[in-house]
């Protein structure tokens, strides 16, 4: 089965494009190797269910993609352009 790869949600916030390896169902985020290790070290996050993309039901991936495409300033609009300049 072909599985599309995604960029780690947390790394992307820091303007780094690291390929993610797992999906956290509770946080609804994709994580790279390093962020997965960090996620598992934090007591409050240790019990979160992490799974491979191949194991994630399509509706959850669809919901995740929709949340990534939603404009943070306009609820019902999709992002058209993304500016990396602060």
PDB file of N, CA and C in Angstrom:
ATOM      1  N   UNK A   1       0.839  -1.184   0.000  1.00  0.00           N
ATOM      2  CA  UNK A   1       0.000   0.000   0.000  1.00  0.00           C
ATOM      3  C   UNK A   1       0.880   1.243   0.000  1.00  0.00           C
ATOM      4  N   UNK A   2       0.576   2.181  -0.875  1.00  0.00           N
ATOM      5  CA  UNK A   2       1.313   3.439  -0.946  1.00  0.00           C
ATOM      6  C   UNK A   2       0.812   4.368   0.153  1.00  0.00           C
ATOM      7  N   UNK A   3       1.728   4.956   0.915  1.00  0.00           N
ATOM      8  CA  UNK A   3       1.361   5.891   1.978  1.00  0.00           C
ATOM      9  C   UNK A   3       2.057   7.206   1.700  1.00  0.00           C
ATOM     10  N   UNK A   4       1.279   8.266   1.551  1.00  0.00           N
ATOM     11  CA  UNK A   4       1.845   9.585   1.310  1.00  0.00           C
ATOM     12  C   UNK A   4       2.526  10.082   2.580  1.00  0.00           C
ATOM     13  N   UNK A   5       3.655  10.696   2.456  1.00  0.00           N
ATOM     14  CA  UNK A   5       4.406  11.207   3.596  1.00  0.00           C
ATOM     15  C   UNK A   5       4.028  12.666   3.865  1.00  0.00           C
ATOM     16  N   UNK A   6       4.074  13.040   5.111  1.00  0.00           N
ATOM     17  CA  UNK A   6       3.744  14.400   5.515  1.00  0.00           C
ATOM     18  C   UNK A   6       4.890  14.990   6.319  1.00  0.00           C
ATOM     19  N   UNK A   7       4.918  16.305   6.405  1.00  0.00           N
ATOM     20  CA  UNK A   7       5.934  17.010   7.173  1.00  0.00           C
ATOM     21  C   UNK A   7       5.470  17.109   8.621  1.00  0.00           C
ATOM     22  N   UNK A   8       6.392  16.934   9.550  1.00  0.00           N
ATOM     23  CA  UNK A   8       6.097  16.993  10.980  1.00  0.00           C
ATOM     24  C   UNK A   8       5.435  18.323  11.335  1.00  0.00           C
ATOM     25  N   UNK A   9       4.304  18.252  12.024  1.00  0.00           N
ATOM     26  CA  UNK A   9       3.544  19.451  12.404  1.00  0.00           C
ATOM     27  C   UNK A   9       4.354  20.390  13.297  1.00  0.00           C
ATOM     28  N   UNK A  10       5.053  19.818  14.282  1.00  0.00           N
ATOM     29  CA  UNK A  10       5.802  20.644  15.234  1.00  0.00           C
ATOM     30  C   UNK A  10       7.029  21.276  14.591  1.00  0.00           C
ATOM     31  N   UNK A  11       7.730  20.528  13.759  1.00  0.00           N
ATOM     32  CA  UNK A  11       8.902  21.071  13.063  1.00  0.00           C
ATOM     33  C   UNK A  11       8.500  22.168  12.082  1.00  0.00           C
ATOM     34  N   UNK A  12       7.356  21.993  11.434  1.00  0.00           N
ATOM     35  CA  UNK A  12       6.884  22.983  10.474  1.00  0.00           C
ATOM     36  C   UNK A  12       6.642  24.334  11.149  1.00  0.00           C
ATOM     37  N   UNK A  13       6.195  24.306  12.395  1.00  0.00           N
ATOM     38  CA  UNK A  13       5.996  25.554  13.142  1.00  0.00           C
ATOM     39  C   UNK A  13       7.320  26.285  13.344  1.00  0.00           C
ATOM     40  N   UNK A  14       8.425  25.526  13.356  1.00  0.00           N
ATOM     41  CA  UNK A  14       9.761  26.108  13.515  1.00  0.00           C
ATOM     42  C   UNK A  14      10.454  26.285  12.160  1.00  0.00           C
ATOM     43  N   UNK A  15       9.649  26.198  11.088  1.00  0.00           N
ATOM     44  CA  UNK A  15      10.122  26.394   9.715  1.00  0.00           C
ATOM     45  C   UNK A  15      11.144  25.347   9.280  1.00  0.00           C
ATOM     46  N   UNK A  16      11.009  24.111   9.815  1.00  0.00           N
ATOM     47  CA  UNK A  16      11.848  22.995   9.390  1.00  0.00           C
ATOM     48  C   UNK A  16      10.932  21.974   8.732  1.00  0.00           C
ATOM     49  N   UNK A  17      11.349  21.430   7.623  1.00  0.00           N
ATOM     50  CA  UNK A  17      10.530  20.453   6.910  1.00  0.00           C
ATOM     51  C   UNK A  17      11.125  19.056   7.098  1.00  0.00           C
ATOM     52  N   UNK A  18      10.749  18.412   8.199  1.00  0.00           N
ATOM     53  CA  UNK A  18      11.216  17.071   8.532  1.00  0.00           C
ATOM     54  C   UNK A  18      10.069  16.099   8.283  1.00  0.00           C
ATOM     55  N   UNK A  19      10.367  14.995   7.599  1.00  0.00           N
ATOM     56  CA  UNK A  19       9.333  14.011   7.279  1.00  0.00           C
ATOM     57  C   UNK A  19       8.801  13.358   8.552  1.00  0.00           C
ATOM     58  N   UNK A  20       7.496  13.272   8.649  1.00  0.00           N
ATOM     59  CA  UNK A  20       6.880  12.655   9.823  1.00  0.00           C
ATOM     60  C   UNK A  20       6.816  11.142   9.651  1.00  0.00           C
ATOM     61  N   UNK A  21       6.742  10.453  10.798  1.00  0.00           N
ATOM     62  CA  UNK A  21       6.712   8.988  10.774  1.00  0.00           C
ATOM     63  C   UNK A  21       5.480   8.410  11.461  1.00  0.00           C
ATOM     64  N   UNK A  22       4.883   9.187  12.372  1.00  0.00           N
ATOM     65  CA  UNK A  22       3.700   8.706  13.090  1.00  0.00           C
ATOM     66  C   UNK A  22       2.637   9.792  13.173  1.00  0.00           C
ATOM     67  N   UNK A  23       1.453   9.360  13.567  1.00  0.00           N
ATOM     68  CA  UNK A  23       0.306  10.250  13.763  1.00  0.00           C
ATOM     69  C   UNK A  23      -0.188  10.063  15.186  1.00  0.00           C
ATOM     70  N   UNK A  24      -0.369  11.150  15.924  1.00  0.00           N
ATOM     71  CA  UNK A  24      -0.919  11.083  17.277  1.00  0.00           C
ATOM     72  C   UNK A  24      -2.414  11.367  17.172  1.00  0.00           C
ATOM     73  N   UNK A  25      -3.211  10.378  17.555  1.00  0.00           N
ATOM     74  CA  UNK A  25      -4.660  10.520  17.441  1.00  0.00           C
ATOM     75  C   UNK A  25      -5.215  11.570  18.404  1.00  0.00           C
ATOM     76  N   UNK A  26      -4.647  11.675  19.594  1.00  0.00           N
ATOM     77  CA  UNK A  26      -5.153  12.649  20.568  1.00  0.00           C
ATOM     78  C   UNK A  26      -4.808  14.083  20.167  1.00  0.00           C
ATOM     79  N   UNK A  27      -3.582  14.305  19.748  1.00  0.00           N
ATOM     80  CA  UNK A  27      -3.149  15.655  19.350  1.00  0.00           C
ATOM     81  C   UNK A  27      -3.574  15.999  17.924  1.00  0.00           C
ATOM     82  N   UNK A  28      -3.901  14.959  17.146  1.00  0.00           N
ATOM     83  CA  UNK A  28      -4.234  15.114  15.732  1.00  0.00           C
ATOM     84  C   UNK A  28      -3.096  15.804  14.989  1.00  0.00           C
ATOM     85  N   UNK A  29      -1.863  15.314  15.242  1.00  0.00           N
ATOM     86  CA  UNK A  29      -0.679  15.861  14.597  1.00  0.00           C
ATOM     87  C   UNK A  29       0.204  14.729  14.095  1.00  0.00           C
ATOM     88  N   UNK A  30       0.969  15.035  13.053  1.00  0.00           N
ATOM     89  CA  UNK A  30       1.967  14.100  12.549  1.00  0.00           C
ATOM     90  C   UNK A  30       3.315  14.500  13.125  1.00  0.00           C
ATOM     91  N   UNK A  31       4.134  13.496  13.470  1.00  0.00           N
ATOM     92  CA  UNK A  31       5.389  13.757  14.163  1.00  0.00           C
ATOM     93  C   UNK A  31       6.566  13.051  13.500  1.00  0.00           C
ATOM     94  N   UNK A  32       7.734  13.695  13.516  1.00  0.00           N
ATOM     95  CA  UNK A  32       8.966  13.082  13.021  1.00  0.00           C
ATOM     96  C   UNK A  32       9.549  12.203  14.133  1.00  0.00           C
ATOM     97  N   UNK A  33      10.680  11.543  13.839  1.00  0.00           N
ATOM     98  CA  UNK A  33      11.313  10.677  14.842  1.00  0.00           C
ATOM     99  C   UNK A  33      11.633  11.420  16.136  1.00  0.00           C
ATOM    100  N   UNK A  34      12.284  12.579  16.020  1.00  0.00           N
ATOM    101  CA  UNK A  34      12.703  13.328  17.206  1.00  0.00           C
ATOM    102  C   UNK A  34      11.498  13.813  18.014  1.00  0.00           C
ATOM    103  N   UNK A  35      10.489  14.353  17.345  1.00  0.00           N
ATOM    104  CA  UNK A  35       9.301  14.841  18.052  1.00  0.00           C
ATOM    105  C   UNK A  35       8.522  13.683  18.677  1.00  0.00           C
ATOM    106  N   UNK A  36       8.571  12.515  18.041  1.00  0.00           N
ATOM    107  CA  UNK A  36       7.927  11.329  18.616  1.00  0.00           C
ATOM    108  C   UNK A  36       8.607  10.962  19.926  1.00  0.00           C
ATOM    109  N   UNK A  37       9.928  10.982  19.945  1.00  0.00           N
ATOM    110  CA  UNK A  37      10.674  10.677  21.170  1.00  0.00           C
ATOM    111  C   UNK A  37      10.350  11.698  22.254  1.00  0.00           C
ATOM    112  N   UNK A  38      10.326  12.986  21.884  1.00  0.00           N
ATOM    113  CA  UNK A  38       9.989  14.044  22.845  1.00  0.00           C
ATOM    114  C   UNK A  38       8.564  13.858  23.367  1.00  0.00           C
ATOM    115  N   UNK A  39       7.656  13.516  22.486  1.00  0.00           N
ATOM    116  CA  UNK A  39       6.243  13.298  22.820  1.00  0.00           C
ATOM    117  C   UNK A  39       6.109  12.189  23.872  1.00  0.00           C
ATOM    118  N   UNK A  40       6.904  11.146  23.719  1.00  0.00           N
ATOM    119  CA  UNK A  40       6.825  10.004  24.623  1.00  0.00           C
ATOM    120  C   UNK A  40       7.521  10.249  25.959  1.00  0.00           C
ATOM    121  N   UNK A  41       8.359  11.294  26.043  1.00  0.00           N
ATOM    122  CA  UNK A  41       9.033  11.628  27.305  1.00  0.00           C
ATOM    123  C   UNK A  41       8.189  12.494  28.230  1.00  0.00           C
ATOM    124  N   UNK A  42       7.225  13.200  27.668  1.00  0.00           N
ATOM    125  CA  UNK A  42       6.391  14.107  28.467  1.00  0.00           C
ATOM    126  C   UNK A  42       5.292  13.302  29.154  1.00  0.00           C
ATOM    127  N   UNK A  43       5.225  13.391  30.459  1.00  0.00           N
ATOM    128  CA  UNK A  43       4.304  12.573  31.249  1.00  0.00           C
ATOM    129  C   UNK A  43       2.861  12.692  30.775  1.00  0.00           C
ATOM    130  N   UNK A  44       2.404  13.889  30.516  1.00  0.00           N
ATOM    131  CA  UNK A  44       1.007  14.099  30.114  1.00  0.00           C
ATOM    132  C   UNK A  44       0.700  13.506  28.737  1.00  0.00           C
ATOM    133  N   UNK A  45       1.726  13.260  27.922  1.00  0.00           N
ATOM    134  CA  UNK A  45       1.518  12.768  26.562  1.00  0.00           C
ATOM    135  C   UNK A  45       1.858  11.294  26.381  1.00  0.00           C
ATOM    136  N   UNK A  46       2.433  10.670  27.387  1.00  0.00           N
ATOM    137  CA  UNK A  46       2.905   9.286  27.283  1.00  0.00           C
ATOM    138  C   UNK A  46       1.820   8.302  26.878  1.00  0.00           C
ATOM    139  N   UNK A  47       0.600   8.529  27.299  1.00  0.00           N
ATOM    140  CA  UNK A  47      -0.488   7.585  27.015  1.00  0.00           C
ATOM    141  C   UNK A  47      -1.202   7.849  25.696  1.00  0.00           C
ATOM    142  N   UNK A  48      -0.746   8.835  24.960  1.00  0.00           N
ATOM    143  CA  UNK A  48      -1.353   9.110  23.654  1.00  0.00           C
ATOM    144  C   UNK A  48      -1.094   7.948  22.709  1.00  0.00           C
ATOM    145  N   UNK A  49      -2.059   7.687  21.844  1.00  0.00           N
ATOM    146  CA  UNK A  49      -1.931   6.603  20.869  1.00  0.00           C
ATOM    147  C   UNK A  49      -1.226   7.128  19.619  1.00  0.00           C
ATOM    148  N   UNK A  50      -0.031   6.596  19.384  1.00  0.00           N
ATOM    149  CA  UNK A  50       0.733   6.941  18.190  1.00  0.00           C
ATOM    150  C   UNK A  50       0.624   5.779  17.223  1.00  0.00           C
ATOM    151  N   UNK A  51       0.428   6.081  15.952  1.00  0.00           N
ATOM    152  CA  UNK A  51       0.310   4.999  14.975  1.00  0.00           C
ATOM    153  C   UNK A  51       0.948   5.394  13.648  1.00  0.00           C
ATOM    154  N   UNK A  52       1.288   4.389  12.862  1.00  0.00           N
ATOM    155  CA  UNK A  52       1.830   4.602  11.523  1.00  0.00           C
ATOM    156  C   UNK A  52       0.716   5.111  10.620  1.00  0.00           C
ATOM    157  N   UNK A  53       1.101   5.817   9.554  1.00  0.00           N
ATOM    158  CA  UNK A  53       0.098   6.343   8.627  1.00  0.00           C
ATOM    159  C   UNK A  53      -0.770   5.247   8.023  1.00  0.00           C
ATOM    160  N   UNK A  54      -0.180   4.110   7.733  1.00  0.00           N
ATOM    161  CA  UNK A  54      -0.933   3.016   7.107  1.00  0.00           C
ATOM    162  C   UNK A  54      -2.068   2.537   7.997  1.00  0.00           C
ATOM    163  N   UNK A  55      -1.951   2.760   9.307  1.00  0.00           N
ATOM    164  CA  UNK A  55      -2.966   2.311  10.258  1.00  0.00           C
ATOM    165  C   UNK A  55      -4.016   3.369  10.570  1.00  0.00           C
ATOM    166  N   UNK A  56      -3.841   4.576  10.044  1.00  0.00           N
ATOM    167  CA  UNK A  56      -4.765   5.674  10.346  1.00  0.00           C
ATOM    168  C   UNK A  56      -5.955   5.613   9.394  1.00  0.00           C
ATOM    169  N   UNK A  57      -7.168   5.569   9.939  1.00  0.00           N
ATOM    170  CA  UNK A  57      -8.360   5.554   9.076  1.00  0.00           C
ATOM    171  C   UNK A  57      -8.426   6.827   8.226  1.00  0.00           C
ATOM    172  N   UNK A  58      -8.873   6.692   6.980  1.00  0.00           N
ATOM    173  CA  UNK A  58      -8.937   7.822   6.064  1.00  0.00           C
ATOM    174  C   UNK A  58      -9.669   9.034   6.640  1.00  0.00           C
ATOM    175  N   UNK A  59     -10.814   8.868   7.328  1.00  0.00           N
ATOM    176  CA  UNK A  59     -11.499  10.058   7.858  1.00  0.00           C
ATOM    177  C   UNK A  59     -10.621  10.899   8.786  1.00  0.00           C
ATOM    178  N   UNK A  60      -9.745  10.257   9.547  1.00  0.00           N
ATOM    179  CA  UNK A  60      -8.859  11.015  10.435  1.00  0.00           C
ATOM    180  C   UNK A  60      -7.820  11.791   9.637  1.00  0.00           C
ATOM    181  N   UNK A  61      -7.259  11.170   8.601  1.00  0.00           N
ATOM    182  CA  UNK A  61      -6.288  11.867   7.746  1.00  0.00           C
ATOM    183  C   UNK A  61      -6.971  13.026   7.037  1.00  0.00           C
ATOM    184  N   UNK A  62      -8.183  12.794   6.551  1.00  0.00           N
ATOM    185  CA  UNK A  62      -8.937  13.846   5.866  1.00  0.00           C
ATOM    186  C   UNK A  62      -9.174  15.026   6.814  1.00  0.00           C
ATOM    187  N   UNK A  63      -9.552  14.744   8.052  1.00  0.00           N
ATOM    188  CA  UNK A  63      -9.787  15.795   9.046  1.00  0.00           C
ATOM    189  C   UNK A  63      -8.490  16.561   9.330  1.00  0.00           C
ATOM    190  N   UNK A  64      -7.384  15.833   9.435  1.00  0.00           N
ATOM    191  CA  UNK A  64      -6.093  16.471   9.673  1.00  0.00           C
ATOM    192  C   UNK A  64      -5.739  17.404   8.517  1.00  0.00           C
ATOM    193  N   UNK A  65      -5.892  16.922   7.296  1.00  0.00           N
ATOM    194  CA  UNK A  65      -5.567  17.755   6.133  1.00  0.00           C
ATOM    195  C   UNK A  65      -6.453  18.991   6.066  1.00  0.00           C
ATOM    196  N   UNK A  66      -7.724  18.838   6.409  1.00  0.00           N
ATOM    197  CA  UNK A  66      -8.620  19.998   6.414  1.00  0.00           C
ATOM    198  C   UNK A  66      -8.165  21.026   7.444  1.00  0.00           C
ATOM    199  N   UNK A  67      -7.742  20.565   8.617  1.00  0.00           N
ATOM    200  CA  UNK A  67      -7.298  21.499   9.654  1.00  0.00           C
ATOM    201  C   UNK A  67      -6.028  22.227   9.226  1.00  0.00           C
ATOM    202  N   UNK A  68      -5.153  21.544   8.485  1.00  0.00           N
ATOM    203  CA  UNK A  68      -3.927  22.179   8.010  1.00  0.00           C
ATOM    204  C   UNK A  68      -4.207  23.197   6.913  1.00  0.00           C
ATOM    205  N   UNK A  69      -5.304  23.029   6.191  1.00  0.00           N
ATOM    206  CA  UNK A  69      -5.652  23.927   5.100  1.00  0.00           C
ATOM    207  C   UNK A  69      -6.539  25.086   5.546  1.00  0.00           C
ATOM    208  N   UNK A  70      -7.049  25.053   6.772  1.00  0.00           N
ATOM    209  CA  UNK A  70      -7.936  26.115   7.251  1.00  0.00           C
ATOM    210  C   UNK A  70      -7.133  27.369   7.574  1.00  0.00           C
ATOM    211  N   UNK A  71      -7.659  28.482   7.155  1.00  0.00           N
ATOM    212  CA  UNK A  71      -7.012  29.756   7.444  1.00  0.00           C
ATOM    213  C   UNK A  71      -7.173  30.074   8.929  1.00  0.00           C
ATOM    214  N   UNK A  72      -6.075  30.373   9.629  1.00  0.00           N
ATOM    215  CA  UNK A  72      -6.176  30.659  11.064  1.00  0.00           C
ATOM    216  C   UNK A  72      -6.937  31.945  11.396  1.00  0.00           C
ATOM    217  N   UNK A  73      -7.076  32.846  10.405  1.00  0.00           N
ATOM    218  CA  UNK A  73      -7.766  34.109  10.660  1.00  0.00           C
ATOM    219  C   UNK A  73      -9.177  34.145  10.094  1.00  0.00           C
ATOM    220  N   UNK A  74      -9.498  33.216   9.199  1.00  0.00           N
ATOM    221  CA  UNK A  74     -10.810  33.211   8.552  1.00  0.00           C
ATOM    222  C   UNK A  74     -11.351  31.783   8.600  1.00  0.00           C
ATOM    223  N   UNK A  75     -12.247  31.517   9.548  1.00  0.00           N
ATOM    224  CA  UNK A  75     -12.742  30.167   9.847  1.00  0.00           C
ATOM    225  C   UNK A  75     -13.180  29.355   8.639  1.00  0.00           C
ATOM    226  N   UNK A  76     -13.888  29.949   7.735  1.00  0.00           N
ATOM    227  CA  UNK A  76     -14.483  29.195   6.639  1.00  0.00           C
ATOM    228  C   UNK A  76     -13.699  29.276   5.330  1.00  0.00           C
ATOM    229  N   UNK A  77     -12.480  29.778   5.412  1.00  0.00           N
ATOM    230  CA  UNK A  77     -11.635  29.943   4.224  1.00  0.00           C
ATOM    231  C   UNK A  77     -10.468  28.963   4.269  1.00  0.00           C
ATOM    232  N   UNK A  78     -10.050  28.507   3.079  1.00  0.00           N
ATOM    233  CA  UNK A  78      -8.852  27.679   2.974  1.00  0.00           C
ATOM    234  C   UNK A  78      -7.649  28.570   2.717  1.00  0.00           C
ATOM    235  N   UNK A  79      -6.485  28.121   3.181  1.00  0.00           N
ATOM    236  CA  UNK A  79      -5.253  28.860   2.951  1.00  0.00           C
ATOM    237  C   UNK A  79      -4.925  28.827   1.459  1.00  0.00           C
ATOM    238  N   UNK A  80      -4.630  29.997   0.898  1.00  0.00           N
ATOM    239  CA  UNK A  80      -4.250  30.100  -0.506  1.00  0.00           C
ATOM    240  C   UNK A  80      -2.760  30.330  -0.600  1.00  0.00           C
ATOM    241  N   UNK A  81      -2.242  31.234   0.226  1.00  0.00           N
ATOM    242  CA  UNK A  81      -0.814  31.562   0.262  1.00  0.00           C
ATOM    243  C   UNK A  81      -0.333  31.448   1.699  1.00  0.00           C
ATOM    244  N   UNK A  82       0.916  31.030   1.859  1.00  0.00           N
ATOM    245  CA  UNK A  82       1.501  30.921   3.191  1.00  0.00           C
ATOM    246  C   UNK A  82       2.789  31.713   3.176  1.00  0.00           C
ATOM    247  N   UNK A  83       2.874  32.739   4.011  1.00  0.00           N
ATOM    248  CA  UNK A  83       4.074  33.566   4.080  1.00  0.00           C
ATOM    249  C   UNK A  83       4.927  33.101   5.259  1.00  0.00           C
ATOM    250  N   UNK A  84       6.200  32.800   4.996  1.00  0.00           N
ATOM    251  CA  UNK A  84       7.110  32.345   6.039  1.00  0.00           C
ATOM    252  C   UNK A  84       7.843  33.490   6.723  1.00  0.00           C
ATOM    253  N   UNK A  85       7.626  34.705   6.264  1.00  0.00           N
ATOM    254  CA  UNK A  85       8.319  35.859   6.821  1.00  0.00           C
ATOM    255  C   UNK A  85       7.531  36.354   8.035  1.00  0.00           C
ATOM    256  N   UNK A  86       8.238  36.548   9.141  1.00  0.00           N
ATOM    257  CA  UNK A  86       7.576  37.043  10.356  1.00  0.00           C
ATOM    258  C   UNK A  86       7.671  38.524  10.474  1.00  0.00           C
TER     259      UNK A  86
END
